[in-house]
Amino acid sequence: MFGMIEDGTVPKHEQLRVILEARCRDDLAPGDMLPSERQLCLDYGVSRITVREALGQMVSDGHLVRIRGKGTFVAERHARSRLHLASFHEDMRRLGRNPTTVVLQTELRVPTPSTTAALALRANEKAYHVKRLRLADGNPISIDDAWYTAALVPNLDRYDLSQSIYQLLKVRYHRPIDHAEQTISAEAADKDKSTLLRVPKGAPLLAFDRISYAGEHRIEHCWSWYRSDMYQVQMTVTDPG
């Protein structure tokens, strides 16, 4: 019923962890309580030490949450993205999520001085401003507030911007995004962001400031705010020496 745990080269706590992760993913929802340690010992025919080792790893990995005096619960599922170039739609589909986008604003106008500098525009040169709410499985994940160099993407506002703009840039304009400069910081949600993202005012957000390039051309300047309770960034760190 629950899967077999056998003696072998794979430690029993690792076998149990794999089984419990599948159980949390397929049979349980975030917030559901796991059976007690004693019940798990009976269900899987293992020792309490094995159960505690498996649960401890799952808590460390963010799959479970322990609440003292109450029990162990399935954690909210984070969208964990590697730090790489990909559209939100591509990222969410890779993570097994269903992405949707609500376009909040589209306009062609002169951007702020910071964006004018970021995109290396001339004074009073216009750009397309696109603000969007991004959702995964119906839950708001992020707000994107982006500007696109109008001279490089004429008539951008005529397209369906609820789909991947990166794919649009590649297919329609033959200007695929190939590199970007990005900084990540922490920011407290103001009233507007808290309303859109359905978080309390002052909740911590991951704030991204990105300039994206198609070849030598600066094509996008985007601010993004992600819910830190539902989104994580993973990266590989190497020794340059």
Protein backbone atom coordinates (compact mmCIF):
# COMPACT_ATOMS: atom_id res chain seq x y z
CA MET A 1 0.00 0.00 0.00
CA PHE A 2 2.71 2.42 1.02
CA GLY A 3 5.70 1.04 -0.87
CA MET A 4 8.34 -1.47 0.14
CA ILE A 5 11.43 -0.68 2.19
CA GLU A 6 14.10 -3.33 1.88
CA ASP A 7 17.63 -4.02 3.05
CA GLY A 8 20.11 -3.01 0.38
CA THR A 9 22.63 -0.44 -0.77
CA VAL A 10 20.16 2.45 -0.42
CA PRO A 11 19.74 3.38 3.27
CA LYS A 12 16.28 2.80 4.68
CA HIS A 13 15.81 6.44 5.63
CA GLU A 14 16.50 7.43 1.99
CA GLN A 15 13.94 4.90 0.75
CA LEU A 16 11.41 6.20 3.26
CA ARG A 17 12.10 9.82 2.30
CA VAL A 18 11.39 9.07 -1.39
CA ILE A 19 8.14 7.29 -0.48
CA LEU A 20 7.00 10.10 1.83
CA GLU A 21 7.83 12.78 -0.75
CA ALA A 22 5.65 10.96 -3.29
CA ARG A 23 2.90 10.61 -0.70
CA CYS A 24 3.03 14.33 0.09
CA ARG A 25 2.99 15.21 -3.59
CA ASP A 26 0.28 12.81 -4.77
CA ASP A 27 -1.99 12.13 -1.79
CA LEU A 28 -1.68 15.09 0.56
CA ALA A 29 -2.17 18.85 0.25
CA PRO A 30 -0.18 21.69 1.83
CA GLY A 31 -1.26 21.98 5.46
CA ASP A 32 -2.20 18.30 5.84
CA MET A 33 -0.72 16.55 8.87
CA LEU A 34 1.45 13.47 8.49
CA PRO A 35 0.79 10.38 10.62
CA SER A 36 2.67 10.19 13.91
CA GLU A 37 6.20 8.78 14.04
CA ARG A 38 4.80 5.67 15.72
CA GLN A 39 2.27 5.16 12.93
CA LEU A 40 4.92 5.64 10.25
CA CYS A 41 7.05 2.99 11.98
CA LEU A 42 4.11 0.58 11.80
CA ASP A 43 3.17 1.52 8.22
CA TYR A 44 6.65 0.99 6.81
CA GLY A 45 8.19 -1.52 9.20
CA VAL A 46 11.14 0.66 10.17
CA SER A 47 12.61 2.00 13.37
CA ARG A 48 11.84 5.38 14.89
CA ILE A 49 15.44 6.45 14.18
CA THR A 50 14.82 5.79 10.46
CA VAL A 51 11.57 7.75 10.52
CA ARG A 52 13.16 10.70 12.31
CA GLU A 53 16.08 10.78 9.87
CA ALA A 54 13.74 10.81 6.85
CA LEU A 55 11.46 13.47 8.35
CA GLY A 56 14.43 15.60 9.37
CA GLN A 57 15.73 15.64 5.80
CA MET A 58 12.30 16.57 4.46
CA VAL A 59 12.01 19.43 6.96
CA SER A 60 15.48 20.67 5.95
CA ASP A 61 14.50 20.49 2.25
CA GLY A 62 11.33 22.49 2.88
CA HIS A 63 8.88 19.65 2.15
CA LEU A 64 7.59 19.46 5.73
CA VAL A 65 7.06 21.84 8.65
CA ARG A 66 7.19 20.80 12.30
CA ILE A 67 4.96 22.61 14.80
CA ARG A 68 5.83 21.90 18.42
CA GLY A 69 3.01 20.21 20.27
CA LYS A 70 0.94 19.66 17.12
CA GLY A 71 2.80 17.51 14.64
CA THR A 72 4.44 17.47 11.23
CA PHE A 73 2.66 19.06 8.27
CA VAL A 74 3.08 19.24 4.50
CA ALA A 75 4.69 22.59 3.66
CA GLU A 76 3.49 25.04 1.04
CA ARG A 77 5.06 24.08 -2.27
CA HIS A 78 7.69 26.60 -3.33
CA ALA A 79 8.49 27.25 -6.96
CA ARG A 80 12.24 26.77 -6.89
CA SER A 81 13.97 28.27 -9.91
CA ARG A 82 17.60 27.98 -10.89
CA LEU A 83 19.23 31.31 -11.62
CA HIS A 84 19.15 31.20 -15.42
CA LEU A 85 17.61 32.88 -18.44
CA ALA A 86 14.06 31.64 -18.97
CA SER A 87 10.60 33.09 -19.26
CA PHE A 88 8.17 32.71 -16.35
CA HIS A 89 6.06 30.35 -18.46
CA GLU A 90 9.05 28.14 -19.27
CA ASP A 91 10.18 28.15 -15.65
CA MET A 92 6.80 27.18 -14.23
CA ARG A 93 6.17 24.45 -16.81
CA ARG A 94 9.59 22.97 -16.04
CA LEU A 95 8.56 22.86 -12.37
CA GLY A 96 5.29 21.11 -13.23
CA ARG A 97 3.16 24.21 -12.60
CA ASN A 98 0.40 25.69 -14.78
CA PRO A 99 1.39 29.32 -15.54
CA THR A 100 -1.08 32.09 -16.31
CA THR A 101 -0.65 35.83 -16.72
CA VAL A 102 -2.94 38.81 -16.18
CA VAL A 103 -1.93 41.92 -18.13
CA LEU A 104 -2.47 44.89 -15.82
CA GLN A 105 -1.19 47.71 -18.02
CA THR A 106 0.20 48.29 -21.52
CA GLU A 107 1.26 51.70 -22.82
CA LEU A 108 3.78 53.45 -25.04
CA ARG A 109 5.38 56.46 -23.38
CA VAL A 110 8.62 58.04 -22.21
CA PRO A 111 9.95 55.93 -19.32
CA THR A 112 11.46 57.04 -16.04
CA PRO A 113 15.04 58.37 -16.08
CA SER A 114 16.36 55.14 -14.54
CA THR A 115 14.84 53.04 -17.33
CA THR A 116 15.96 55.51 -19.99
CA ALA A 117 19.51 55.02 -18.72
CA ALA A 118 19.12 51.24 -18.34
CA LEU A 119 17.96 50.85 -21.95
CA ALA A 120 20.40 53.47 -23.27
CA LEU A 121 17.54 55.44 -24.83
CA ARG A 122 17.72 58.99 -26.12
CA ALA A 123 16.06 61.78 -24.17
CA ASN A 124 12.26 61.61 -24.60
CA GLU A 125 12.50 58.34 -26.56
CA LYS A 126 9.44 56.16 -25.90
CA ALA A 127 9.30 52.56 -24.74
CA TYR A 128 6.56 50.00 -24.22
CA HIS A 129 5.50 49.66 -20.59
CA VAL A 130 3.98 46.27 -19.71
CA LYS A 131 2.87 45.43 -16.18
CA ARG A 132 1.70 41.89 -15.50
CA LEU A 133 0.62 39.64 -12.65
CA ARG A 134 2.07 36.11 -12.91
CA LEU A 135 0.29 33.10 -11.41
CA ALA A 136 1.13 29.43 -10.99
CA ASP A 137 -1.72 26.96 -10.48
CA GLY A 138 -3.97 29.97 -9.92
CA ASN A 139 -1.85 31.43 -7.09
CA PRO A 140 -0.19 34.84 -7.60
CA ILE A 141 3.60 34.43 -7.61
CA SER A 142 5.03 37.67 -8.97
CA ILE A 143 4.47 41.11 -10.45
CA ASP A 144 6.51 42.09 -13.52
CA ASP A 145 6.86 45.79 -14.33
CA ALA A 146 8.81 45.88 -17.58
CA TRP A 147 9.87 48.30 -20.30
CA TYR A 148 10.83 47.33 -23.87
CA THR A 149 12.77 49.42 -26.37
CA ALA A 150 10.09 50.46 -28.88
CA ALA A 151 12.50 50.83 -31.79
CA LEU A 152 13.45 47.15 -31.45
CA VAL A 153 9.91 45.78 -30.92
CA PRO A 154 7.50 47.93 -32.98
CA ASN A 155 3.78 47.30 -32.39
CA LEU A 156 4.47 45.16 -29.34
CA ASP A 157 1.10 46.12 -27.87
CA ARG A 158 -0.72 44.41 -30.76
CA TYR A 159 0.27 40.96 -29.52
CA ASP A 160 -1.14 38.78 -26.74
CA LEU A 161 1.11 39.75 -23.84
CA SER A 162 -0.47 37.24 -21.50
CA GLN A 163 1.84 34.70 -23.16
CA SER A 164 5.63 34.52 -22.97
CA ILE A 165 7.15 37.81 -24.12
CA TYR A 166 10.57 36.14 -24.39
CA GLN A 167 9.08 33.67 -26.88
CA LEU A 168 7.44 36.58 -28.73
CA LEU A 169 10.76 38.42 -28.96
CA LYS A 170 12.41 35.29 -30.35
CA VAL A 171 9.74 34.22 -32.85
CA ARG A 172 8.18 37.50 -34.04
CA TYR A 173 11.08 39.91 -33.72
CA HIS A 174 14.01 37.50 -34.14
CA ARG A 175 15.59 39.01 -31.04
CA PRO A 176 16.04 36.20 -28.50
CA ILE A 177 17.19 37.22 -25.05
CA ASP A 178 20.70 35.78 -24.72
CA HIS A 179 22.08 37.43 -21.58
CA ALA A 180 21.05 39.75 -18.77
CA GLU A 181 22.35 41.76 -15.83
CA GLN A 182 20.33 41.20 -12.68
CA THR A 183 20.35 42.16 -9.03
CA ILE A 184 18.22 40.59 -6.29
CA SER A 185 17.25 42.31 -3.07
CA ALA A 186 14.64 42.09 -0.32
CA GLU A 187 11.68 44.44 -0.17
CA ALA A 188 8.57 44.79 1.99
CA ALA A 189 5.24 44.61 0.17
CA ASP A 190 3.45 47.95 -0.09
CA LYS A 191 -0.33 48.24 -0.26
CA ASP A 192 -0.60 47.68 -4.04
CA LYS A 193 1.78 44.71 -4.12
CA SER A 194 0.17 43.11 -1.07
CA THR A 195 -3.25 43.35 -2.74
CA LEU A 196 -2.08 41.86 -6.05
CA LEU A 197 0.02 39.09 -4.47
CA ARG A 198 -2.48 38.36 -1.67
CA VAL A 199 0.06 38.80 1.11
CA PRO A 200 -0.04 41.03 4.21
CA LYS A 201 1.29 44.55 3.83
CA GLY A 202 4.97 44.49 4.80
CA ALA A 203 5.42 40.82 3.84
CA PRO A 204 8.92 40.04 2.52
CA LEU A 205 9.31 39.94 -1.26
CA LEU A 206 12.22 39.01 -3.51
CA ALA A 207 12.87 42.02 -5.74
CA PHE A 208 14.62 41.55 -9.11
CA ASP A 209 16.03 44.40 -11.22
CA ARG A 210 17.02 43.05 -14.64
CA ILE A 211 18.36 44.46 -17.90
CA SER A 212 18.04 41.91 -20.71
CA TYR A 213 19.94 41.89 -23.98
CA ALA A 214 19.37 40.52 -27.46
CA GLY A 215 22.90 40.47 -28.78
CA GLU A 216 24.36 43.93 -28.19
CA HIS A 217 20.92 45.57 -27.86
CA ARG A 218 19.33 46.39 -24.52
CA ILE A 219 15.78 45.29 -25.08
CA GLU A 220 14.16 44.92 -21.64
CA HIS A 221 14.34 46.63 -18.26
CA CYS A 222 12.20 44.79 -15.76
CA TRP A 223 11.43 44.99 -12.07
CA SER A 224 9.89 41.83 -10.64
CA TRP A 225 8.59 41.16 -7.16
CA TYR A 226 8.16 37.53 -6.06
CA ARG A 227 6.42 36.14 -3.00
CA SER A 228 9.22 34.80 -0.82
CA ASP A 229 6.85 32.26 0.76
CA MET A 230 6.20 30.63 -2.63
CA TYR A 231 9.35 31.21 -4.68
CA GLN A 232 13.01 30.34 -4.13
CA VAL A 233 16.12 30.97 -6.21
CA GLN A 234 18.70 28.22 -6.54
CA MET A 235 22.18 28.74 -7.91
CA THR A 236 25.49 26.91 -8.25
CA VAL A 237 28.50 28.64 -6.71
CA THR A 238 31.98 27.74 -7.96
CA ASP A 239 35.52 28.72 -7.10
CA PRO A 240 36.74 31.00 -9.93
CA GLY A 241 40.33 30.10 -9.10
